[in-house]
Amino acid sequence: MSLAALQKDFHAWLTTTSPDAAQRIAPAATGGLAVYQNNYRAQLVGCLETSYPRVHEWMGDEAFLATAVAHIASHPPHAWTLDAYADGFGETLAARYPDNPDLHELAWIEHAMSQSFIAADAAPLAPDALQDVDWDAARLVLAPSVRIRTATTNAGDTWSALSDGVALPESEMLAAPAGLVVWRRAFGCYLHQVDALERDALTLMQNDGRFDTLCEWLVERLGEDDGIARAGALLGNWLGSDLIARIEVV
């Protein structure tokens, strides 16, 4: 057997427990091979526990471990670093617990926090960067760390309670869909719940970025006076929170 074939069979044994691969590798040593597979799975479980500590705490050991094992069985590592292994765990949680949107959103927050932390740096805008900006031709570029999604539950409050070590709130649906925003500022990552309008406005800026487009979009929804006022308020809040990395002229 060539080295390449041996490596391929060993990978098949680790990820799928292929009996054919085991027979080709060491027909009389399946028990010995199991040691490697157990170590492999233990490392992946540890990776998921490290990546989702608050989800683990909220679910409990038994439910989290069962989900981690199911994820490992169907999702072999897909990148050169184990840091990326946690990427699809939220999908496994959604598949196993389809009626628990609070769990889905809690997992998203946890993963978004970790992804935001390792995102590319973006220095805060200098005060003079706003001087003489032609807002009719301005494009707002959000910081690379910004992550946005719809919120339908109070998972944001749950995540904060878990982080602060205080009593957990009862899980509940929001009165109306809102938004969750995660971003990094200096060396800290932040979570903020926003209303649906700001969620959509941020998404629009992430996809388009033109400030005049934002103003037109808000005017269509709120009327001219309220729309322009809200655009100014959002801009000021985003600048003050370091959500905007730079302003370009297009």
Foldseek 3Di string as FASTA:
>chain_A
DDPVLLVVLLVCCLQAVDPVSVCVNPVVPSVVSVVVNVVVLVVQLVLLCVLQVLLCVVVDPPVSVVLSVVCSNPPPDDDPDSNCVLVCSLVSVCVVCVPCVLSSVLSVVSNLQVQQQPFDDFDADDPCQPPPDPLQQKFFAFDRSKDKDKAFKVSVQQNVCSVVVHDGDDIDTDPDIWMWIWHDDDNHIDIDIGGNLVRVLVVCSNVPRRLVVQLVVQCVVPNNPVSVVVSVVSVVVCSVVRRTRHMDGD
